[in-house]
Amino acid sequence: MTYADRWLLPDGVEEILPAEAKPIEFLRRQLLDLYATWGYDLVIPPLLEYTDSLLIGLGRDVDLLTFKVTDQLTGRTLGIRADITPQIARIDAHSMAKKGANRLCYAGNVVHTRPKNPLATRTPMQVGLEFYGEAGLAADVEVISLLLESLRASGLPKLHLDLGHVGIYRALAACAKLDAAQEDEFFDLLQRKAVTEIRAWVAAKVTDPKCASLLLALPSLAGGVEILAKARELFASIPNAVAAVDQLQHVAELMAQRYPAAEFYFDLGELRGYHYLTGLVFAAFAPGFGNPIASGGRYDHIGEVFGRARPATGFALDICAISKLGFLATQSADAIAVVEDGDLRQWQAVQDLRKQGERVVYCLANELSARRELRLVGDKYQVVTL
């Protein structure tokens, strides 16, 4: 590497400079304060830990995204976290084990071996929360409400949420008697919306005509709230699928009351996080950004690997992705320039301004370029607009 190349960063790794860093940090603090008002306690997990706990529960996708290193003290394999959710599950199961509900929130960078999409950073900043210990829909409603509150705090002009339920796919897979390998095969086709391949696969693998027709219908079960009535009619003979649709209906009605301006889209074939999520799933989208800026759902079994299975639901929001949308720009007052004159009264005036949140910068006389300056006017220091 030449001297001219030493400033280069790895592909997908970026630094955040002041113009973007300030609004990002402002939003991070705003969101954590918001979560605190709902009863969520802040935790700060380590950046790396043993892969034995870090890579358990979220499926092979996280494994592929995780950088691995050898611990020079023990010889064991460490992972640099690619997702914070497993760490919060470990904290709930061990470090903060308690009966009843446990509400935890967090903020921090994760590191990915490869970008999740061509335009994504490999070092996104996640802000999110997890709600443990409540199996009822009340927890899902609370978490989804907080996601919408987070989007509103982010300044997005529209609130748009996609909702689904992995219980529907699991019920249909059970109806068709698919084994684990077949579930994965059909899952892949469904995520790619490969309709022609889906038809051929179902014809070759599913013998029950009723179950086959339901699997073929999944890709088309997407749209507004009206799609739920159609799904309920189609799944009438499969109680678990109907129960999942009823949960979606209940949540949709409550969200429409609380957030009448929000847009809700239902995709019953959307299986993001299928390998570890167990119930309602959701993702937030924003105009001009093709990938989710936030996603989450219910994942009731992840705590089993830590010896404490707990109902759980939560979400993670990508602040860096939101920043790229340009809605975080904040207006801030110009700095106040001051030339040191050795007067204690000047020092006291500067400290008072800083306590009020003003940005005061000591400058050399030939460096003054600010629009405001602290000057001695009469016998008192005052801010003067230049």
Protein backbone atom coordinates (compact mmCIF):
# COMPACT_ATOMS: atom_id res chain seq x y z
CA MET A 1 0.00 0.00 0.00
CA THR A 2 1.40 3.42 -0.96
CA TYR A 3 1.22 6.57 1.15
CA ALA A 4 -1.49 7.82 -1.20
CA ASP A 5 -3.66 4.78 -0.41
CA ARG A 6 -3.33 4.74 3.38
CA TRP A 7 -6.46 6.84 3.88
CA LEU A 8 -8.65 4.26 2.10
CA LEU A 9 -11.17 2.25 4.12
CA PRO A 10 -12.27 -1.33 3.32
CA ASP A 11 -15.21 -1.67 0.94
CA GLY A 12 -18.48 -1.23 2.80
CA VAL A 13 -16.79 0.35 5.84
CA GLU A 14 -17.38 4.06 6.32
CA GLU A 15 -16.61 6.84 8.74
CA ILE A 16 -19.29 9.29 9.83
CA LEU A 17 -18.24 12.93 9.69
CA PRO A 18 -19.67 15.83 11.75
CA ALA A 19 -22.49 16.87 9.41
CA GLU A 20 -23.98 13.38 9.60
CA ALA A 21 -22.69 12.31 13.01
CA LYS A 22 -24.47 15.06 14.92
CA PRO A 23 -28.03 14.23 13.76
CA ILE A 24 -27.34 10.49 14.09
CA GLU A 25 -26.23 10.92 17.69
CA PHE A 26 -29.18 13.22 18.40
CA LEU A 27 -31.61 10.57 17.12
CA ARG A 28 -29.84 7.80 19.08
CA ARG A 29 -30.30 9.73 22.32
CA GLN A 30 -33.87 10.67 21.43
CA LEU A 31 -34.85 7.05 20.79
CA LEU A 32 -33.24 5.72 23.97
CA ASP A 33 -35.02 8.43 25.96
CA LEU A 34 -38.28 7.47 24.23
CA TYR A 35 -37.83 3.81 25.17
CA ALA A 36 -37.08 4.76 28.76
CA THR A 37 -40.45 6.51 29.02
CA TRP A 38 -42.07 3.17 28.10
CA GLY A 39 -40.15 1.31 30.82
CA TYR A 40 -37.22 -0.09 28.82
CA ASP A 41 -33.85 -0.34 30.58
CA LEU A 42 -30.67 0.40 28.64
CA VAL A 43 -28.01 -2.33 28.37
CA ILE A 44 -24.62 -2.13 26.62
CA PRO A 45 -23.45 -5.59 25.45
CA PRO A 46 -19.80 -6.16 24.49
CA LEU A 47 -18.68 -5.81 20.88
CA LEU A 48 -17.38 -9.37 20.84
CA GLU A 49 -17.96 -12.56 22.78
CA TYR A 50 -17.66 -16.32 22.37
CA THR A 51 -19.33 -17.63 19.23
CA ASP A 52 -20.84 -20.39 21.39
CA SER A 53 -23.44 -17.85 22.54
CA LEU A 54 -23.23 -15.17 19.85
CA LEU A 55 -24.16 -17.41 16.91
CA ILE A 56 -26.89 -19.46 18.56
CA GLY A 57 -30.54 -18.97 17.81
CA LEU A 58 -30.64 -16.71 14.73
CA GLY A 59 -29.80 -19.24 12.03
CA ARG A 60 -27.00 -19.57 9.51
CA ASP A 61 -27.45 -16.09 8.01
CA VAL A 62 -25.92 -14.44 11.08
CA ASP A 63 -23.12 -17.01 11.14
CA LEU A 64 -22.11 -16.01 7.60
CA LEU A 65 -22.21 -12.31 8.52
CA THR A 66 -20.00 -12.70 11.60
CA PHE A 67 -16.26 -12.01 11.71
CA LYS A 68 -14.48 -14.64 13.81
CA VAL A 69 -11.17 -14.33 15.64
CA THR A 70 -9.19 -16.47 18.06
CA ASP A 71 -9.01 -15.40 21.69
CA GLN A 72 -5.30 -15.20 22.53
CA LEU A 73 -6.07 -15.87 26.22
CA THR A 74 -8.13 -19.05 25.87
CA GLY A 75 -7.75 -20.28 22.29
CA ARG A 76 -11.53 -20.22 21.90
CA THR A 77 -13.29 -18.60 18.95
CA LEU A 78 -14.69 -15.11 19.43
CA GLY A 79 -17.18 -13.39 17.19
CA ILE A 80 -17.59 -9.67 16.48
CA ARG A 81 -21.33 -9.22 16.76
CA ALA A 82 -23.33 -9.00 13.54
CA ASP A 83 -26.61 -8.70 15.47
CA ILE A 84 -27.30 -7.59 19.03
CA THR A 85 -30.47 -9.63 19.64
CA PRO A 86 -28.66 -12.84 20.76
CA GLN A 87 -26.71 -10.79 23.28
CA ILE A 88 -29.88 -9.31 24.75
CA ALA A 89 -31.40 -12.82 24.96
CA ARG A 90 -28.33 -13.96 26.89
CA ILE A 91 -28.64 -10.99 29.25
CA ASP A 92 -32.32 -11.76 29.89
CA ALA A 93 -31.59 -15.43 30.49
CA HIS A 94 -28.54 -15.01 32.71
CA SER A 95 -27.32 -11.52 33.67
CA MET A 96 -30.79 -10.09 34.39
CA ALA A 97 -32.81 -13.25 34.94
CA LYS A 98 -36.04 -12.41 36.70
CA LYS A 99 -39.66 -13.49 36.76
CA GLY A 100 -42.18 -11.59 34.74
CA ALA A 101 -41.60 -9.07 31.99
CA ASN A 102 -38.18 -7.74 31.13
CA ARG A 103 -37.93 -4.71 28.84
CA LEU A 104 -34.44 -3.97 27.49
CA CYS A 105 -33.14 -1.50 24.90
CA TYR A 106 -29.74 -0.93 23.31
CA ALA A 107 -27.75 1.07 20.78
CA GLY A 108 -24.47 0.16 19.13
CA ASN A 109 -22.60 -0.74 15.98
CA VAL A 110 -22.55 -4.21 14.50
CA VAL A 111 -20.03 -5.50 11.96
CA HIS A 112 -20.83 -7.62 8.89
CA THR A 113 -18.45 -9.73 6.82
CA ARG A 114 -20.34 -8.60 3.74
CA PRO A 115 -22.99 -5.92 3.09
CA LYS A 116 -26.59 -7.10 3.29
CA ASN A 117 -27.20 -5.35 -0.05
CA PRO A 118 -24.95 -3.57 -2.57
CA LEU A 119 -25.52 -0.12 -1.04
CA ALA A 120 -25.43 -1.11 2.64
CA THR A 121 -22.64 -0.35 5.07
CA ARG A 122 -20.86 -3.23 6.78
CA THR A 123 -20.82 -1.30 10.07
CA PRO A 124 -24.43 -0.23 10.67
CA MET A 125 -25.58 1.28 13.94
CA GLN A 126 -28.52 -0.57 15.49
CA VAL A 127 -30.95 0.92 17.96
CA GLY A 128 -33.61 -1.44 19.22
CA LEU A 129 -35.47 -3.08 22.04
CA GLU A 130 -36.62 -6.49 23.22
CA PHE A 131 -39.64 -7.39 25.36
CA TYR A 132 -39.27 -10.70 27.27
CA GLY A 133 -41.71 -12.66 29.39
CA GLU A 134 -45.05 -11.83 27.74
CA ALA A 135 -46.57 -14.32 25.29
CA GLY A 136 -49.76 -12.37 24.59
CA LEU A 137 -50.45 -9.99 21.74
CA ALA A 138 -50.15 -7.05 24.14
CA ALA A 139 -46.36 -7.33 23.87
CA ASP A 140 -46.45 -7.40 20.06
CA VAL A 141 -48.74 -4.38 20.01
CA GLU A 142 -46.43 -2.46 22.35
CA VAL A 143 -43.33 -3.25 20.31
CA ILE A 144 -44.95 -2.37 16.97
CA SER A 145 -46.29 0.87 18.48
CA LEU A 146 -42.78 1.74 19.65
CA LEU A 147 -41.39 1.05 16.19
CA LEU A 148 -43.88 3.48 14.70
CA GLU A 149 -43.02 6.02 17.39
CA SER A 150 -39.35 5.54 16.46
CA LEU A 151 -40.07 6.17 12.79
CA ARG A 152 -42.00 9.29 13.66
CA ALA A 153 -39.11 10.53 15.81
CA SER A 154 -36.82 9.92 12.84
CA GLY A 155 -38.70 12.52 10.83
CA LEU A 156 -39.96 10.18 8.13
CA PRO A 157 -42.70 11.85 6.07
CA LYS A 158 -44.72 8.61 5.96
CA LEU A 159 -45.01 5.65 8.29
CA HIS A 160 -45.07 2.43 6.28
CA LEU A 161 -45.09 -1.01 7.88
CA ASP A 162 -45.19 -4.47 6.33
CA LEU A 163 -46.79 -7.17 8.50
CA GLY A 164 -46.77 -10.94 8.25
CA HIS A 165 -46.92 -14.05 10.40
CA VAL A 166 -44.59 -17.05 10.08
CA GLY A 167 -47.22 -19.21 11.78
CA ILE A 168 -49.16 -19.24 8.52
CA TYR A 169 -46.30 -20.81 6.58
CA ARG A 170 -45.58 -23.28 9.36
CA ALA A 171 -49.23 -24.35 9.43
CA LEU A 172 -49.34 -24.85 5.64
CA ALA A 173 -46.02 -26.72 5.69
CA ALA A 174 -47.43 -29.05 8.35
CA CYS A 175 -50.58 -29.56 6.25
CA ALA A 176 -48.43 -30.54 3.25
CA LYS A 177 -46.22 -32.75 5.47
CA LEU A 178 -43.03 -31.03 4.32
CA ASP A 179 -39.83 -32.13 6.00
CA ALA A 180 -37.17 -29.63 7.12
CA ALA A 181 -35.27 -29.76 3.83
CA GLN A 182 -38.45 -29.25 1.81
CA GLU A 183 -39.49 -26.34 4.03
CA ASP A 184 -36.18 -24.67 3.26
CA GLU A 185 -36.51 -25.31 -0.46
CA PHE A 186 -39.99 -23.82 -0.66
CA PHE A 187 -38.96 -20.97 1.64
CA ASP A 188 -36.23 -19.99 -0.83
CA LEU A 189 -38.63 -20.05 -3.77
CA LEU A 190 -41.20 -18.03 -1.86
CA GLN A 191 -38.71 -15.32 -0.91
CA ARG A 192 -37.68 -14.97 -4.56
CA LYS A 193 -41.34 -14.82 -5.63
CA ALA A 194 -40.42 -17.42 -8.26
CA VAL A 195 -44.01 -18.23 -9.25
CA THR A 196 -43.18 -20.57 -12.15
CA GLU A 197 -40.69 -22.53 -10.05
CA ILE A 198 -43.16 -22.64 -7.16
CA ARG A 199 -45.78 -24.25 -9.37
CA ALA A 200 -43.35 -26.88 -10.61
CA TRP A 201 -42.04 -27.58 -7.10
CA VAL A 202 -45.50 -27.96 -5.58
CA ALA A 203 -46.61 -30.24 -8.40
CA ALA A 204 -43.59 -32.48 -7.79
CA LYS A 205 -43.51 -32.47 -3.98
CA VAL A 206 -47.08 -32.04 -2.62
CA THR A 207 -49.63 -34.79 -3.20
CA ASP A 208 -52.57 -33.38 -1.22
CA PRO A 209 -54.46 -31.13 -3.70
CA LYS A 210 -55.93 -28.89 -0.96
CA CYS A 211 -52.55 -28.24 0.66
CA ALA A 212 -50.98 -27.74 -2.76
CA SER A 213 -53.54 -25.07 -3.66
CA LEU A 214 -52.90 -23.21 -0.41
CA LEU A 215 -49.14 -23.19 -0.94
CA LEU A 216 -49.67 -21.90 -4.47
CA ALA A 217 -51.89 -19.12 -3.13
CA LEU A 218 -49.28 -17.78 -0.67
CA PRO A 219 -47.35 -15.52 -3.11
CA SER A 220 -50.56 -13.68 -4.03
CA LEU A 221 -51.71 -13.08 -0.46
CA ALA A 222 -50.31 -9.58 -0.23
CA GLY A 223 -52.00 -6.22 -0.08
CA GLY A 224 -54.12 -4.09 2.21
CA VAL A 225 -56.14 -5.22 5.20
CA GLU A 226 -58.74 -6.73 2.86
CA ILE A 227 -56.28 -9.56 2.13
CA LEU A 228 -56.87 -10.92 5.64
CA ALA A 229 -60.52 -11.74 4.92
CA LYS A 230 -59.46 -13.63 1.79
CA ALA A 231 -56.82 -15.53 3.75
CA ARG A 232 -59.23 -16.42 6.53
CA GLU A 233 -61.59 -17.94 3.96
CA LEU A 234 -58.81 -19.88 2.23
CA PHE A 235 -57.40 -21.27 5.49
CA ALA A 236 -60.76 -22.11 7.06
CA SER A 237 -59.83 -25.79 7.47
CA ILE A 238 -56.43 -25.05 9.08
CA PRO A 239 -57.01 -23.69 12.61
CA ASN A 240 -53.40 -22.60 13.25
CA ALA A 241 -53.33 -20.56 10.06
CA VAL A 242 -56.66 -18.93 10.90
CA ALA A 243 -55.39 -18.10 14.40
CA ALA A 244 -52.36 -16.38 12.86
CA VAL A 245 -54.58 -14.34 10.55
CA ASP A 246 -56.76 -13.37 13.52
CA GLN A 247 -53.66 -12.06 15.32
CA LEU A 248 -52.77 -9.95 12.32
CA GLN A 249 -56.33 -8.62 12.17
CA HIS A 250 -56.28 -7.67 15.85
CA VAL A 251 -52.97 -5.85 15.55
CA ALA A 252 -54.05 -4.12 12.34
CA GLU A 253 -57.20 -2.75 13.96
CA LEU A 254 -55.34 -1.41 16.98
CA MET A 255 -52.57 0.15 14.89
CA ALA A 256 -55.10 1.82 12.59
CA GLN A 257 -56.74 3.42 15.63
CA ARG A 258 -53.47 4.60 17.15
CA TYR A 259 -51.77 5.66 13.92
CA PRO A 260 -54.47 6.52 11.38
CA ALA A 261 -51.97 8.14 9.01
CA ALA A 262 -49.72 5.07 8.87
CA GLU A 263 -49.75 2.74 5.86
CA PHE A 264 -49.97 -1.00 6.54
CA TYR A 265 -49.20 -3.68 3.99
CA PHE A 266 -49.77 -7.39 4.63
CA ASP A 267 -47.63 -10.04 2.97
CA LEU A 268 -48.51 -13.52 4.20
CA GLY A 269 -45.71 -15.04 2.16
CA GLU A 270 -43.04 -12.79 3.68
CA LEU A 271 -40.81 -14.96 5.84
CA ARG A 272 -37.96 -12.65 6.82
CA GLY A 273 -36.23 -14.31 9.78
CA TYR A 274 -38.28 -17.47 9.33
CA HIS A 275 -35.61 -19.75 10.80
CA TYR A 276 -35.88 -18.22 14.27
CA LEU A 277 -39.04 -16.08 14.36
CA THR A 278 -42.18 -17.75 15.64
CA GLY A 279 -45.11 -15.35 15.20
CA LEU A 280 -45.81 -11.84 13.97
CA VAL A 281 -43.08 -10.34 11.78
CA PHE A 282 -42.82 -6.76 10.59
CA ALA A 283 -40.54 -4.43 8.67
CA ALA A 284 -40.49 -0.68 8.12
CA PHE A 285 -39.76 0.88 4.75
CA ALA A 286 -39.11 4.45 3.66
CA PRO A 287 -39.45 6.22 0.30
CA GLY A 288 -36.25 6.06 -1.70
CA PHE A 289 -34.78 3.10 0.18
CA GLY A 290 -35.41 -0.36 -1.20
CA ASN A 291 -34.49 -2.36 1.90
CA PRO A 292 -36.05 -2.30 5.37
CA ILE A 293 -34.80 0.43 7.69
CA ALA A 294 -36.12 -1.57 10.63
CA SER A 295 -37.40 -5.09 11.19
CA GLY A 296 -38.49 -7.35 13.99
CA GLY A 297 -40.96 -9.89 15.24
CA ARG A 298 -41.68 -12.55 17.80
CA TYR A 299 -38.98 -15.14 18.59
CA ASP A 300 -40.15 -17.21 21.53
CA HIS A 301 -37.53 -19.98 21.48
CA ILE A 302 -34.19 -18.19 21.30
CA GLY A 303 -33.69 -18.30 25.08
CA GLU A 304 -33.70 -22.11 25.09
CA VAL A 305 -30.01 -22.21 24.15
CA PHE A 306 -29.24 -20.30 27.36
CA GLY A 307 -31.36 -22.62 29.50
CA ARG A 308 -34.28 -20.23 29.88
CA ALA A 309 -36.94 -20.28 27.18
CA ARG A 310 -38.90 -17.04 27.29
CA PRO A 311 -41.57 -15.43 25.12
CA ALA A 312 -39.89 -12.56 23.30
CA THR A 313 -40.53 -9.89 20.69
CA GLY A 314 -38.57 -6.87 19.55
CA PHE A 315 -37.06 -4.90 16.70
CA ALA A 316 -33.83 -3.28 15.51
CA LEU A 317 -33.65 -0.02 13.59
CA ASP A 318 -30.73 0.99 11.35
CA ILE A 319 -29.92 4.64 12.11
CA CYS A 320 -27.27 4.80 9.38
CA ALA A 321 -29.86 3.78 6.78
CA ILE A 322 -32.25 6.45 8.04
CA SER A 323 -29.47 9.03 7.87
CA LYS A 324 -28.95 8.28 4.17
CA LEU A 325 -32.55 9.31 3.51
CA GLY A 326 -31.77 12.90 4.45
CA PHE A 327 -34.51 13.39 7.05
CA LEU A 328 -32.20 13.83 10.04
CA ALA A 329 -30.81 17.23 9.11
CA THR A 330 -31.15 19.50 12.12
CA GLN A 331 -30.77 23.26 12.33
CA SER A 332 -28.30 24.38 14.95
CA ALA A 333 -27.24 27.86 16.02
CA ASP A 334 -23.89 29.18 14.81
CA ALA A 335 -21.00 28.89 17.20
CA ILE A 336 -20.13 31.90 19.33
CA ALA A 337 -16.55 33.06 18.88
CA VAL A 338 -14.58 34.51 21.75
CA VAL A 339 -11.04 35.90 21.95
CA GLU A 340 -9.33 35.13 25.25
CA ASP A 341 -8.60 38.30 27.17
CA GLY A 342 -7.76 36.88 30.60
CA ASP A 343 -10.82 38.41 32.27
CA LEU A 344 -12.48 36.04 34.76
CA ARG A 345 -15.85 37.57 33.91
CA GLN A 346 -15.35 36.46 30.31
CA TRP A 347 -14.66 32.89 31.47
CA GLN A 348 -17.81 32.90 33.60
CA ALA A 349 -19.89 34.26 30.70
CA VAL A 350 -18.54 31.49 28.43
CA GLN A 351 -19.38 28.81 30.98
CA ASP A 352 -22.91 30.19 31.42
CA LEU A 353 -23.47 30.07 27.65
CA ARG A 354 -22.24 26.48 27.46
CA LYS A 355 -24.60 25.47 30.27
CA GLN A 356 -27.42 26.87 28.12
CA GLY A 357 -26.34 24.54 25.30
CA GLU A 358 -24.50 27.13 23.24
CA ARG A 359 -21.34 26.21 21.33
CA VAL A 360 -18.60 28.64 22.31
CA VAL A 361 -15.19 28.47 20.64
CA TYR A 362 -12.03 30.30 21.71
CA CYS A 363 -10.37 31.73 18.63
CA LEU A 364 -7.28 33.67 17.73
CA ALA A 365 -8.03 37.20 16.58
CA ASN A 366 -7.19 36.38 12.96
CA GLU A 367 -9.38 33.26 12.96
CA LEU A 368 -12.72 34.92 13.63
CA SER A 369 -15.27 33.81 11.04
CA ALA A 370 -18.33 33.19 13.17
CA ARG A 371 -21.55 35.16 12.85
CA ARG A 372 -21.74 35.68 16.60
CA GLU A 373 -19.08 36.86 19.00
CA LEU A 374 -18.86 37.30 22.76
CA ARG A 375 -17.71 40.86 23.42
CA LEU A 376 -17.35 43.17 26.37
CA VAL A 377 -20.11 45.76 25.99
CA GLY A 378 -19.78 48.38 28.68
CA ASP A 379 -19.04 46.38 31.81
CA LYS A 380 -20.80 43.17 30.71
CA TYR A 381 -19.97 40.40 28.26
CA GLN A 382 -22.71 39.96 25.63
CA VAL A 383 -23.24 37.94 22.46
CA VAL A 384 -23.12 40.22 19.46
CA THR A 385 -24.34 39.27 15.96
CA LEU A 386 -21.80 40.27 13.34
